[in-house]
Structure formats: structure tokens, C-alpha cells
PDB file of N, CA and C in Angstrom:
ATOM      1  N   MET A   1       0.825  -1.183   0.000  1.00  0.00           N
ATOM      2  CA  MET A   1       0.000   0.000   0.000  1.00  0.00           C
ATOM      3  C   MET A   1       0.873   1.252   0.000  1.00  0.00           C
ATOM      4  N   LYS A   2       1.877   1.256   0.900  1.00  0.00           N
ATOM      5  CA  LYS A   2       2.785   2.376   0.948  1.00  0.00           C
ATOM      6  C   LYS A   2       3.538   2.526  -0.364  1.00  0.00           C
ATOM      7  N   ARG A   3       3.843   1.401  -0.930  1.00  0.00           N
ATOM      8  CA  ARG A   3       4.576   1.399  -2.181  1.00  0.00           C
ATOM      9  C   ARG A   3       3.719   2.011  -3.291  1.00  0.00           C
ATOM     10  N   ASN A   4       2.452   1.652  -3.343  1.00  0.00           N
ATOM     11  CA  ASN A   4       1.538   2.200  -4.350  1.00  0.00           C
ATOM     12  C   ASN A   4       1.364   3.707  -4.168  1.00  0.00           C
ATOM     13  N   LEU A   5       1.268   4.109  -2.893  1.00  0.00           N
ATOM     14  CA  LEU A   5       1.109   5.528  -2.592  1.00  0.00           C
ATOM     15  C   LEU A   5       2.353   6.307  -3.029  1.00  0.00           C
ATOM     16  N   LEU A   6       3.537   5.768  -2.758  1.00  0.00           N
ATOM     17  CA  LEU A   6       4.772   6.421  -3.187  1.00  0.00           C
ATOM     18  C   LEU A   6       4.877   6.451  -4.713  1.00  0.00           C
ATOM     19  N   LEU A   7       4.439   5.413  -5.372  1.00  0.00           N
ATOM     20  CA  LEU A   7       4.456   5.345  -6.832  1.00  0.00           C
ATOM     21  C   LEU A   7       3.531   6.407  -7.427  1.00  0.00           C
ATOM     22  N   ILE A   8       2.336   6.526  -6.876  1.00  0.00           N
ATOM     23  CA  ILE A   8       1.378   7.524  -7.361  1.00  0.00           C
ATOM     24  C   ILE A   8       1.918   8.930  -7.103  1.00  0.00           C
ATOM     25  N   LEU A   9       2.466   9.155  -5.924  1.00  0.00           N
ATOM     26  CA  LEU A   9       3.044  10.454  -5.594  1.00  0.00           C
ATOM     27  C   LEU A   9       4.213  10.777  -6.527  1.00  0.00           C
ATOM     28  N   GLY A  10       5.045   9.789  -6.813  1.00  0.00           N
ATOM     29  CA  GLY A  10       6.173   9.967  -7.744  1.00  0.00           C
ATOM     30  C   GLY A  10       5.685  10.296  -9.149  1.00  0.00           C
ATOM     31  N   LEU A  11       4.610   9.628  -9.600  1.00  0.00           N
ATOM     32  CA  LEU A  11       4.047   9.910 -10.926  1.00  0.00           C
ATOM     33  C   LEU A  11       3.475  11.332 -10.999  1.00  0.00           C
ATOM     34  N   ILE A  12       2.824  11.757  -9.937  1.00  0.00           N
ATOM     35  CA  ILE A  12       2.255  13.111  -9.908  1.00  0.00           C
ATOM     36  C   ILE A  12       3.378  14.149  -9.957  1.00  0.00           C
ATOM     37  N   VAL A  13       4.417  13.944  -9.148  1.00  0.00           N
ATOM     38  CA  VAL A  13       5.550  14.874  -9.141  1.00  0.00           C
ATOM     39  C   VAL A  13       6.234  14.869 -10.514  1.00  0.00           C
ATOM     40  N   GLY A  14       6.400  13.707 -11.110  1.00  0.00           N
ATOM     41  CA  GLY A  14       7.013  13.602 -12.443  1.00  0.00           C
ATOM     42  C   GLY A  14       6.180  14.320 -13.500  1.00  0.00           C
ATOM     43  N   ALA A  15       4.863  14.142 -13.447  1.00  0.00           N
ATOM     44  CA  ALA A  15       3.976  14.813 -14.398  1.00  0.00           C
ATOM     45  C   ALA A  15       4.055  16.325 -14.245  1.00  0.00           C
ATOM     46  N   LEU A  16       4.098  16.792 -12.989  1.00  0.00           N
ATOM     47  CA  LEU A  16       4.218  18.231 -12.750  1.00  0.00           C
ATOM     48  C   LEU A  16       5.538  18.780 -13.297  1.00  0.00           C
ATOM     49  N   LEU A  17       6.615  18.025 -13.127  1.00  0.00           N
ATOM     50  CA  LEU A  17       7.911  18.451 -13.657  1.00  0.00           C
ATOM     51  C   LEU A  17       7.904  18.509 -15.186  1.00  0.00           C
ATOM     52  N   VAL A  18       7.291  17.517 -15.805  1.00  0.00           N
ATOM     53  CA  VAL A  18       7.201  17.498 -17.275  1.00  0.00           C
ATOM     54  C   VAL A  18       6.392  18.694 -17.773  1.00  0.00           C
ATOM     55  N   ILE A  19       5.268  18.964 -17.136  1.00  0.00           N
ATOM     56  CA  ILE A  19       4.411  20.091 -17.540  1.00  0.00           C
ATOM     57  C   ILE A  19       5.165  21.416 -17.351  1.00  0.00           C
ATOM     58  N   ASN A  20       5.839  21.570 -16.231  1.00  0.00           N
ATOM     59  CA  ASN A  20       6.583  22.787 -15.947  1.00  0.00           C
ATOM     60  C   ASN A  20       7.709  22.991 -16.968  1.00  0.00           C
ATOM     61  N   ASN A  21       8.456  21.923 -17.257  1.00  0.00           N
ATOM     62  CA  ASN A  21       9.540  22.028 -18.225  1.00  0.00           C
ATOM     63  C   ASN A  21       9.018  22.325 -19.628  1.00  0.00           C
ATOM     64  N   THR A  22       7.880  21.759 -19.987  1.00  0.00           N
ATOM     65  CA  THR A  22       7.284  22.024 -21.296  1.00  0.00           C
ATOM     66  C   THR A  22       6.893  23.498 -21.412  1.00  0.00           C
ATOM     67  N   ARG A  23       6.306  24.044 -20.366  1.00  0.00           N
ATOM     68  CA  ARG A  23       5.943  25.464 -20.363  1.00  0.00           C
ATOM     69  C   ARG A  23       7.187  26.341 -20.514  1.00  0.00           C
ATOM     70  N   ARG A  24       8.242  25.991 -19.808  1.00  0.00           N
ATOM     71  CA  ARG A  24       9.478  26.781 -19.884  1.00  0.00           C
ATOM     72  C   ARG A  24      10.075  26.714 -21.291  1.00  0.00           C
ATOM     73  N   LEU A  25      10.043  25.545 -21.900  1.00  0.00           N
ATOM     74  CA  LEU A  25      10.563  25.414 -23.263  1.00  0.00           C
ATOM     75  C   LEU A  25       9.754  26.253 -24.247  1.00  0.00           C
ATOM     76  N   LEU A  26       8.434  26.243 -24.107  1.00  0.00           N
ATOM     77  CA  LEU A  26       7.588  27.045 -24.991  1.00  0.00           C
ATOM     78  C   LEU A  26       7.842  28.538 -24.786  1.00  0.00           C
ATOM     79  N   THR A  27       7.997  28.935 -23.544  1.00  0.00           N
ATOM     80  CA  THR A  27       8.292  30.336 -23.242  1.00  0.00           C
ATOM     81  C   THR A  27       9.645  30.733 -23.826  1.00  0.00           C
ATOM     82  N   PHE A  28      10.625  29.864 -23.687  1.00  0.00           N
ATOM     83  CA  PHE A  28      11.949  30.117 -24.236  1.00  0.00           C
ATOM     84  C   PHE A  28      11.883  30.240 -25.756  1.00  0.00           C
ATOM     85  N   ARG A  29      11.107  29.376 -26.383  1.00  0.00           N
ATOM     86  CA  ARG A  29      10.976  29.382 -27.843  1.00  0.00           C
ATOM     87  C   ARG A  29      10.346  30.684 -28.331  1.00  0.00           C
ATOM     88  N   THR A  30       9.271  31.117 -27.707  1.00  0.00           N
ATOM     89  CA  THR A  30       8.622  32.362 -28.126  1.00  0.00           C
ATOM     90  C   THR A  30       9.519  33.562 -27.857  1.00  0.00           C
ATOM     91  N   THR A  31      10.241  33.516 -26.756  1.00  0.00           N
ATOM     92  CA  THR A  31      11.157  34.611 -26.438  1.00  0.00           C
ATOM     93  C   THR A  31      12.282  34.682 -27.464  1.00  0.00           C
ATOM     94  N   SER A  32      12.812  33.539 -27.853  1.00  0.00           N
ATOM     95  CA  SER A  32      13.898  33.540 -28.840  1.00  0.00           C
ATOM     96  C   SER A  32      13.386  34.026 -30.204  1.00  0.00           C
ATOM     97  N   GLN A  33      12.141  33.724 -30.541  1.00  0.00           N
ATOM     98  CA  GLN A  33      11.571  34.233 -31.792  1.00  0.00           C
ATOM     99  C   GLN A  33      11.435  35.754 -31.745  1.00  0.00           C
ATOM    100  N   LYS A  34      10.996  36.276 -30.614  1.00  0.00           N
ATOM    101  CA  LYS A  34      10.873  37.727 -30.461  1.00  0.00           C
ATOM    102  C   LYS A  34      12.228  38.406 -30.562  1.00  0.00           C
ATOM    103  N   VAL A  35      13.239  37.775 -29.969  1.00  0.00           N
ATOM    104  CA  VAL A  35      14.594  38.330 -30.028  1.00  0.00           C
ATOM    105  C   VAL A  35      15.090  38.339 -31.475  1.00  0.00           C
ATOM    106  N   ALA A  36      14.842  37.265 -32.209  1.00  0.00           N
ATOM    107  CA  ALA A  36      15.266  37.196 -33.611  1.00  0.00           C
ATOM    108  C   ALA A  36      14.566  38.274 -34.442  1.00  0.00           C
ATOM    109  N   GLU A  37      13.263  38.474 -34.212  1.00  0.00           N
ATOM    110  CA  GLU A  37      12.524  39.520 -34.934  1.00  0.00           C
ATOM    111  C   GLU A  37      13.070  40.900 -34.587  1.00  0.00           C
ATOM    112  N   ALA A  38      13.386  41.114 -33.326  1.00  0.00           N
ATOM    113  CA  ALA A  38      13.926  42.410 -32.902  1.00  0.00           C
ATOM    114  C   ALA A  38      15.296  42.653 -33.514  1.00  0.00           C
ATOM    115  N   GLN A  39      16.113  41.609 -33.614  1.00  0.00           N
ATOM    116  CA  GLN A  39      17.428  41.757 -34.229  1.00  0.00           C
ATOM    117  C   GLN A  39      17.302  42.070 -35.714  1.00  0.00           C
ATOM    118  N   ALA A  40      16.366  41.421 -36.395  1.00  0.00           N
ATOM    119  CA  ALA A  40      16.149  41.700 -37.815  1.00  0.00           C
ATOM    120  C   ALA A  40      15.687  43.148 -38.003  1.00  0.00           C
ATOM    121  N   ARG A  41      14.793  43.589 -37.147  1.00  0.00           N
ATOM    122  CA  ARG A  41      14.316  44.975 -37.213  1.00  0.00           C
ATOM    123  C   ARG A  41      15.450  45.957 -36.935  1.00  0.00           C
ATOM    124  N   LEU A  42      16.311  45.596 -35.977  1.00  0.00           N
ATOM    125  CA  LEU A  42      17.457  46.437 -35.641  1.00  0.00           C
ATOM    126  C   LEU A  42      18.402  46.568 -36.838  1.00  0.00           C
ATOM    127  N   GLU A  43      18.674  45.461 -37.526  1.00  0.00           N
ATOM    128  CA  GLU A  43      19.546  45.497 -38.696  1.00  0.00           C
ATOM    129  C   GLU A  43      18.936  46.365 -39.802  1.00  0.00           C
ATOM    130  N   LYS A  44      17.631  46.244 -39.978  1.00  0.00           N
ATOM    131  CA  LYS A  44      16.943  47.054 -40.995  1.00  0.00           C
ATOM    132  C   LYS A  44      17.050  48.542 -40.644  1.00  0.00           C
ATOM    133  N   LEU A  45      16.842  48.870 -39.381  1.00  0.00           N
ATOM    134  CA  LEU A  45      16.934  50.259 -38.946  1.00  0.00           C
ATOM    135  C   LEU A  45      18.362  50.791 -39.047  1.00  0.00           C
ATOM    136  N   LYS A  46      19.351  49.937 -38.780  1.00  0.00           N
ATOM    137  CA  LYS A  46      20.744  50.359 -38.921  1.00  0.00           C
ATOM    138  C   LYS A  46      21.059  50.677 -40.377  1.00  0.00           C
ATOM    139  N   ALA A  47      20.571  49.830 -41.291  1.00  0.00           N
ATOM    140  CA  ALA A  47      20.804  50.072 -42.717  1.00  0.00           C
ATOM    141  C   ALA A  47      20.119  51.372 -43.154  1.00  0.00           C
ATOM    142  N   GLU A  48      18.911  51.586 -42.683  1.00  0.00           N
ATOM    143  CA  GLU A  48      18.191  52.818 -43.017  1.00  0.00           C
ATOM    144  C   GLU A  48      18.916  54.032 -42.447  1.00  0.00           C
ATOM    145  N   ASN A  49      19.418  53.916 -41.231  1.00  0.00           N
ATOM    146  CA  ASN A  49      20.159  54.994 -40.595  1.00  0.00           C
ATOM    147  C   ASN A  49      21.430  55.311 -41.383  1.00  0.00           C
ATOM    148  N   GLU A  50      22.110  54.282 -41.834  1.00  0.00           N
ATOM    149  CA  GLU A  50      23.330  54.473 -42.614  1.00  0.00           C
ATOM    150  C   GLU A  50      23.020  55.200 -43.922  1.00  0.00           C
ATOM    151  N   LYS A  51      21.930  54.823 -44.570  1.00  0.00           N
ATOM    152  CA  LYS A  51      21.530  55.491 -45.817  1.00  0.00           C
ATOM    153  C   LYS A  51      21.196  56.956 -45.554  1.00  0.00           C
ATOM    154  N   LEU A  52      20.485  57.220 -44.471  1.00  0.00           N
ATOM    155  CA  LEU A  52      20.143  58.608 -44.131  1.00  0.00           C
ATOM    156  C   LEU A  52      21.397  59.421 -43.819  1.00  0.00           C
ATOM    157  N   ASN A  53      22.365  58.807 -43.160  1.00  0.00           N
ATOM    158  CA  ASN A  53      23.620  59.501 -42.877  1.00  0.00           C
ATOM    159  C   ASN A  53      24.367  59.825 -44.167  1.00  0.00           C
ATOM    160  N   GLN A  54      24.353  58.899 -45.129  1.00  0.00           N
ATOM    161  CA  GLN A  54      24.993  59.146 -46.416  1.00  0.00           C
ATOM    162  C   GLN A  54      24.281  60.278 -47.155  1.00  0.00           C
ATOM    163  N   ASP A  55      22.950  60.282 -47.105  1.00  0.00           N
ATOM    164  CA  ASP A  55      22.192  61.359 -47.739  1.00  0.00           C
ATOM    165  C   ASP A  55      22.519  62.693 -47.087  1.00  0.00           C
ATOM    166  N   LEU A  56      22.633  62.700 -45.773  1.00  0.00           N
ATOM    167  CA  LEU A  56      22.964  63.927 -45.054  1.00  0.00           C
ATOM    168  C   LEU A  56      24.341  64.433 -45.460  1.00  0.00           C
ATOM    169  N   GLU A  57      25.301  63.531 -45.551  1.00  0.00           N
ATOM    170  CA  GLU A  57      26.653  63.930 -45.961  1.00  0.00           C
ATOM    171  C   GLU A  57      26.636  64.488 -47.383  1.00  0.00           C
ATOM    172  N   TYR A  58      25.836  63.896 -48.259  1.00  0.00           N
ATOM    173  CA  TYR A  58      25.749  64.386 -49.635  1.00  0.00           C
ATOM    174  C   TYR A  58      25.139  65.786 -49.678  1.00  0.00           C
ATOM    175  N   THR A  59      24.148  66.042 -48.836  1.00  0.00           N
ATOM    176  CA  THR A  59      23.525  67.370 -48.845  1.00  0.00           C
ATOM    177  C   THR A  59      24.478  68.450 -48.338  1.00  0.00           C
ATOM    178  N   LYS A  60      25.533  68.074 -47.660  1.00  0.00           N
ATOM    179  CA  LYS A  60      26.512  69.043 -47.170  1.00  0.00           C
ATOM    180  C   LYS A  60      27.568  69.385 -48.225  1.00  0.00           C
ATOM    181  N   THR A  61      27.609  68.649 -49.328  1.00  0.00           N
ATOM    182  CA  THR A  61      28.641  68.867 -50.338  1.00  0.00           C
ATOM    183  C   THR A  61      28.307  70.052 -51.226  1.00  0.00           C
ATOM    184  N   GLU A  62      29.336  70.589 -51.848  1.00  0.00           N
ATOM    185  CA  GLU A  62      29.167  71.704 -52.785  1.00  0.00           C
ATOM    186  C   GLU A  62      28.416  71.252 -54.037  1.00  0.00           C
ATOM    187  N   GLU A  63      28.627  70.013 -54.431  1.00  0.00           N
ATOM    188  CA  GLU A  63      27.941  69.468 -55.613  1.00  0.00           C
ATOM    189  C   GLU A  63      26.428  69.522 -55.439  1.00  0.00           C
ATOM    190  N   PHE A  64      25.959  69.119 -54.259  1.00  0.00           N
ATOM    191  CA  PHE A  64      24.520  69.143 -53.995  1.00  0.00           C
ATOM    192  C   PHE A  64      23.990  70.574 -53.999  1.00  0.00           C
ATOM    193  N   LYS A  65      24.732  71.477 -53.345  1.00  0.00           N
ATOM    194  CA  LYS A  65      24.301  72.874 -53.277  1.00  0.00           C
ATOM    195  C   LYS A  65      24.197  73.472 -54.672  1.00  0.00           C
ATOM    196  N   GLU A  66      25.208  73.209 -55.503  1.00  0.00           N
ATOM    197  CA  GLU A  66      25.196  73.730 -56.865  1.00  0.00           C
ATOM    198  C   GLU A  66      24.035  73.164 -57.670  1.00  0.00           C
ATOM    199  N   LYS A  67      23.783  71.884 -57.518  1.00  0.00           N
ATOM    200  CA  LYS A  67      22.681  71.239 -58.246  1.00  0.00           C
ATOM    201  C   LYS A  67      21.333  71.837 -57.827  1.00  0.00           C
ATOM    202  N   GLU A  68      21.138  72.048 -56.543  1.00  0.00           N
ATOM    203  CA  GLU A  68      19.883  72.621 -56.057  1.00  0.00           C
ATOM    204  C   GLU A  68      19.698  74.053 -56.568  1.00  0.00           C
ATOM    205  N   ILE A  69      20.776  74.830 -56.549  1.00  0.00           N
ATOM    206  CA  ILE A  69      20.690  76.204 -57.036  1.00  0.00           C
ATOM    207  C   ILE A  69      20.320  76.212 -58.512  1.00  0.00           C
ATOM    208  N   ARG A  70      20.960  75.343 -59.280  1.00  0.00           N
ATOM    209  CA  ARG A  70      20.662  75.278 -60.715  1.00  0.00           C
ATOM    210  C   ARG A  70      19.217  74.843 -60.965  1.00  0.00           C
ATOM    211  N   ASP A  71      18.775  73.827 -60.242  1.00  0.00           N
ATOM    212  CA  ASP A  71      17.424  73.305 -60.472  1.00  0.00           C
ATOM    213  C   ASP A  71      16.345  74.286 -60.035  1.00  0.00           C
ATOM    214  N   LYS A  72      16.520  74.883 -58.900  1.00  0.00           N
ATOM    215  CA  LYS A  72      15.451  75.728 -58.348  1.00  0.00           C
ATOM    216  C   LYS A  72      15.446  77.140 -58.902  1.00  0.00           C
ATOM    217  N   LEU A  73      16.612  77.669 -59.209  1.00  0.00           N
ATOM    218  CA  LEU A  73      16.673  79.044 -59.686  1.00  0.00           C
ATOM    219  C   LEU A  73      16.872  79.140 -61.202  1.00  0.00           C
ATOM    220  N   GLY A  74      17.154  78.020 -61.840  1.00  0.00           N
ATOM    221  CA  GLY A  74      17.339  78.027 -63.290  1.00  0.00           C
ATOM    222  C   GLY A  74      18.629  78.707 -63.711  1.00  0.00           C
ATOM    223  N   LEU A  75      19.633  78.673 -62.877  1.00  0.00           N
ATOM    224  CA  LEU A  75      20.908  79.307 -63.203  1.00  0.00           C
ATOM    225  C   LEU A  75      21.800  78.335 -63.963  1.00  0.00           C
ATOM    226  N   ALA A  76      22.802  78.882 -64.649  1.00  0.00           N
ATOM    227  CA  ALA A  76      23.729  78.057 -65.415  1.00  0.00           C
ATOM    228  C   ALA A  76      25.140  78.595 -65.228  1.00  0.00           C
ATOM    229  N   LYS A  77      26.110  77.750 -65.494  1.00  0.00           N
ATOM    230  CA  LYS A  77      27.498  78.173 -65.457  1.00  0.00           C
ATOM    231  C   LYS A  77      27.795  78.997 -66.706  1.00  0.00           C
ATOM    232  N   GLU A  78      28.914  79.663 -66.667  1.00  0.00           N
ATOM    233  CA  GLU A  78      29.312  80.463 -67.815  1.00  0.00           C
ATOM    234  C   GLU A  78      29.551  79.550 -69.016  1.00  0.00           C
ATOM    235  N   GLY A  79      28.954  79.896 -70.133  1.00  0.00           N
ATOM    236  CA  GLY A  79      29.099  79.092 -71.342  1.00  0.00           C
ATOM    237  C   GLY A  79      27.995  78.067 -71.522  1.00  0.00           C
ATOM    238  N   GLU A  80      27.172  77.861 -70.524  1.00  0.00           N
ATOM    239  CA  GLU A  80      26.054  76.916 -70.625  1.00  0.00           C
ATOM    240  C   GLU A  80      24.792  77.672 -71.002  1.00  0.00           C
ATOM    241  N   ALA A  81      23.882  76.966 -71.644  1.00  0.00           N
ATOM    242  CA  ALA A  81      22.604  77.559 -72.021  1.00  0.00           C
ATOM    243  C   ALA A  81      21.494  76.869 -71.250  1.00  0.00           C
ATOM    244  N   VAL A  82      20.550  77.647 -70.767  1.00  0.00           N
ATOM    245  CA  VAL A  82      19.403  77.100 -70.047  1.00  0.00           C
ATOM    246  C   VAL A  82      18.259  76.963 -71.043  1.00  0.00           C
ATOM    247  N   VAL A  83      17.688  75.781 -71.128  1.00  0.00           N
ATOM    248  CA  VAL A  83      16.576  75.536 -72.032  1.00  0.00           C
ATOM    249  C   VAL A  83      15.314  75.390 -71.189  1.00  0.00           C
ATOM    250  N   ILE A  84      14.328  76.216 -71.489  1.00  0.00           N
ATOM    251  CA  ILE A  84      13.055  76.161 -70.773  1.00  0.00           C
ATOM    252  C   ILE A  84      12.005  75.664 -71.751  1.00  0.00           C
ATOM    253  N   LEU A  85      11.414  74.523 -71.455  1.00  0.00           N
ATOM    254  CA  LEU A  85      10.405  73.935 -72.321  1.00  0.00           C
ATOM    255  C   LEU A  85       9.035  74.480 -71.959  1.00  0.00           C
ATOM    256  N   PRO A  86       8.211  74.736 -72.963  1.00  0.00           N
ATOM    257  CA  PRO A  86       6.859  75.240 -72.659  1.00  0.00           C
ATOM    258  C   PRO A  86       6.019  74.151 -72.015  1.00  0.00           C
ATOM    259  N   LYS A  87       5.090  74.602 -71.190  1.00  0.00           N
ATOM    260  CA  LYS A  87       4.190  73.652 -70.542  1.00  0.00           C
ATOM    261  C   LYS A  87       3.146  73.194 -71.545  1.00  0.00           C
ATOM    262  N   ASP A  88       2.591  72.019 -71.313  1.00  0.00           N
ATOM    263  CA  ASP A  88       1.533  71.506 -72.179  1.00  0.00           C
ATOM    264  C   ASP A  88       0.307  72.399 -72.063  1.00  0.00           C
ATOM    265  N   ASN A  89      -0.378  72.570 -73.183  1.00  0.00           N
ATOM    266  CA  ASN A  89      -1.615  73.348 -73.161  1.00  0.00           C
ATOM    267  C   ASN A  89      -2.713  72.553 -72.479  1.00  0.00           C
ATOM    268  N   GLU A  90      -3.405  73.215 -71.609  1.00  0.00           N
ATOM    269  CA  GLU A  90      -4.522  72.575 -70.913  1.00  0.00           C
ATOM    270  C   GLU A  90      -5.635  72.228 -71.887  1.00  0.00           C
ATOM    271  N   SER A  91      -5.792  73.035 -72.938  1.00  0.00           N
ATOM    272  CA  SER A  91      -6.877  72.772 -73.893  1.00  0.00           C
ATOM    273  C   SER A  91      -6.639  71.467 -74.641  1.00  0.00           C
ATOM    274  N   ASP A  92      -5.360  71.142 -74.937  1.00  0.00           N
ATOM    275  CA  ASP A  92      -5.067  69.868 -75.601  1.00  0.00           C
ATOM    276  C   ASP A  92      -5.462  68.701 -74.712  1.00  0.00           C
ATOM    277  N   LYS A  93      -5.184  68.823 -73.434  1.00  0.00           N
ATOM    278  CA  LYS A  93      -5.538  67.750 -72.508  1.00  0.00           C
ATOM    279  C   LYS A  93      -7.046  67.613 -72.396  1.00  0.00           C
ATOM    280  N   ARG A  94      -7.734  68.741 -72.354  1.00  0.00           N
ATOM    281  CA  ARG A  94      -9.193  68.688 -72.273  1.00  0.00           C
ATOM    282  C   ARG A  94      -9.784  68.059 -73.519  1.00  0.00           C
ATOM    283  N   GLU A  95      -9.189  68.368 -74.680  1.00  0.00           N
ATOM    284  CA  GLU A  95      -9.669  67.805 -75.945  1.00  0.00           C
ATOM    285  C   GLU A  95      -9.516  66.283 -75.928  1.00  0.00           C
ATOM    286  N   GLU A  96      -8.366  65.803 -75.415  1.00  0.00           N
ATOM    287  CA  GLU A  96      -8.153  64.362 -75.325  1.00  0.00           C
ATOM    288  C   GLU A  96      -9.171  63.719 -74.394  1.00  0.00           C
ATOM    289  N   ILE A  97      -9.433  64.344 -73.280  1.00  0.00           N
ATOM    290  CA  ILE A  97     -10.392  63.793 -72.324  1.00  0.00           C
ATOM    291  C   ILE A  97     -11.777  63.770 -72.941  1.00  0.00           C
ATOM    292  N   ARG A  98     -12.128  64.841 -73.649  1.00  0.00           N
ATOM    293  CA  ARG A  98     -13.447  64.900 -74.273  1.00  0.00           C
ATOM    294  C   ARG A  98     -13.563  63.835 -75.361  1.00  0.00           C
ATOM    295  N   ASP A  99     -12.474  63.626 -76.133  1.00  0.00           N
ATOM    296  CA  ASP A  99     -12.504  62.613 -77.182  1.00  0.00           C
ATOM    297  C   ASP A  99     -12.634  61.220 -76.588  1.00  0.00           C
ATOM    298  N   LYS A 100     -12.012  60.977 -75.474  1.00  0.00           N
ATOM    299  CA  LYS A 100     -12.091  59.654 -74.859  1.00  0.00           C
ATOM    300  C   LYS A 100     -13.488  59.370 -74.338  1.00  0.00           C
ATOM    301  N   SER A 101     -14.212  60.413 -73.992  1.00  0.00           N
ATOM    302  CA  SER A 101     -15.554  60.196 -73.458  1.00  0.00           C
ATOM    303  C   SER A 101     -16.585  59.972 -74.551  1.00  0.00           C
ATOM    304  N   LYS A 102     -16.230  60.272 -75.811  1.00  0.00           N
ATOM    305  CA  LYS A 102     -17.168  60.071 -76.918  1.00  0.00           C
ATOM    306  C   LYS A 102     -17.126  58.625 -77.383  1.00  0.00           C
ATOM    307  N   ALA A 103     -18.253  58.197 -77.894  1.00  0.00           N
ATOM    308  CA  ALA A 103     -18.317  56.864 -78.495  1.00  0.00           C
ATOM    309  C   ALA A 103     -17.676  56.925 -79.884  1.00  0.00           C
ATOM    310  N   ASN A 104     -17.272  55.782 -80.411  1.00  0.00           N
ATOM    311  CA  ASN A 104     -16.618  55.752 -81.726  1.00  0.00           C
ATOM    312  C   ASN A 104     -17.505  56.314 -82.833  1.00  0.00           C
ATOM    313  N   TRP A 105     -18.788  55.994 -82.818  1.00  0.00           N
ATOM    314  CA  TRP A 105     -19.658  56.471 -83.884  1.00  0.00           C
ATOM    315  C   TRP A 105     -19.767  57.993 -83.860  1.00  0.00           C
ATOM    316  N   GLU A 106     -19.666  58.591 -82.652  1.00  0.00           N
ATOM    317  CA  GLU A 106     -19.707  60.054 -82.557  1.00  0.00           C
ATOM    318  C   GLU A 106     -18.427  60.666 -83.128  1.00  0.00           C
ATOM    319  N   LYS A 107     -17.306  60.016 -82.889  1.00  0.00           N
ATOM    320  CA  LYS A 107     -16.043  60.509 -83.449  1.00  0.00           C
ATOM    321  C   LYS A 107     -16.076  60.449 -84.978  1.00  0.00           C
ATOM    322  N   TRP A 108     -16.581  59.346 -85.543  1.00  0.00           N
ATOM    323  CA  TRP A 108     -16.689  59.213 -86.997  1.00  0.00           C
ATOM    324  C   TRP A 108     -17.663  60.259 -87.564  1.00  0.00           C
ATOM    325  N   ARG A 109     -18.766  60.481 -86.877  1.00  0.00           N
ATOM    326  CA  ARG A 109     -19.725  61.487 -87.329  1.00  0.00           C
ATOM    327  C   ARG A 109     -19.073  62.861 -87.376  1.00  0.00           C
ATOM    328  N   ASP A 110     -18.269  63.167 -86.335  1.00  0.00           N
ATOM    329  CA  ASP A 110     -17.605  64.466 -86.293  1.00  0.00           C
ATOM    330  C   ASP A 110     -16.577  64.604 -87.426  1.00  0.00           C
ATOM    331  N   ILE A 111     -15.907  63.504 -87.767  1.00  0.00           N
ATOM    332  CA  ILE A 111     -14.925  63.562 -88.846  1.00  0.00           C
ATOM    333  C   ILE A 111     -15.602  63.831 -90.182  1.00  0.00           C
ATOM    334  N   PHE A 112     -16.706  63.123 -90.488  1.00  0.00           N
ATOM    335  CA  PHE A 112     -17.378  63.251 -91.787  1.00  0.00           C
ATOM    336  C   PHE A 112     -18.255  64.476 -91.904  1.00  0.00           C
ATOM    337  N   PHE A 113     -18.947  64.840 -90.833  1.00  0.00           N
ATOM    338  CA  PHE A 113     -19.925  65.910 -90.933  1.00  0.00           C
ATOM    339  C   PHE A 113     -19.550  67.146 -90.132  1.00  0.00           C
ATOM    340  N   GLY A 114     -18.443  67.121 -89.454  1.00  0.00           N
ATOM    341  CA  GLY A 114     -18.029  68.257 -88.650  1.00  0.00           C
ATOM    342  C   GLY A 114     -18.665  68.217 -87.278  1.00  0.00           C
ATOM    343  N   SER A 115     -18.172  69.019 -86.402  1.00  0.00           N
ATOM    344  CA  SER A 115     -18.651  69.013 -85.015  1.00  0.00           C
ATOM    345  C   SER A 115     -20.007  69.599 -84.885  1.00  0.00           C
TER     346      SER A 115
END
């Protein structure tokens, strides 16, 4: 009887240890996954930070300043010519939009008989 009682008590203690260890392993596994995700995010942020630092260094250069002045103010170096292209006419765009809204038979009618 005592032997059976000790056996049952031993089985209960063993089951509790197995359950406890299983919980700890699962907790460890989820924690390690979170750490891996955080490390991946950290590497991504470091790469982004490095790119931003490179962009910042480029904006401090004379080349960048000269390019911005030329683009925004339309200035040129001596001997260079600045070419300014005319903007598209709004009426041409409206005509295209109006033509797209017409059915084909209406377009043909306009071609043969006028608008």
C-alpha cells in the first residue's frame, strides 16, 4: 500500500515536472523568436540609418548645393545655355479627355460631318 502511494506520488511529481519544463521550453521558444525579430528589425533600422547619414553627408557637399541652385533658380554656369520647355496646353488635354468620353460612332460622325 505504501509502495503504491509512493508510486502515485512519484508519478504526480514527475507529471508536474514534465508540464513545468514544457511550459518553460515554450516560453523560451517564443522569447527567442521575439529576439530574432527584434534583431532583424534592428539590422533594418541600422541600414536605413546608414543610408540617411549618407544622404545627409551628400547634402553638405558643394555638388549638392550647386545642383539645387541650378534646379530651383534656373541658373547656369558660364558658357552653358538654359533651355526652358513650354508647358503643355490645358486645352489639348481637355480635348483628349473629351474625345475619350465620346463613343466611336460620334467621333466618326464628327470627322465626316463636322462638329
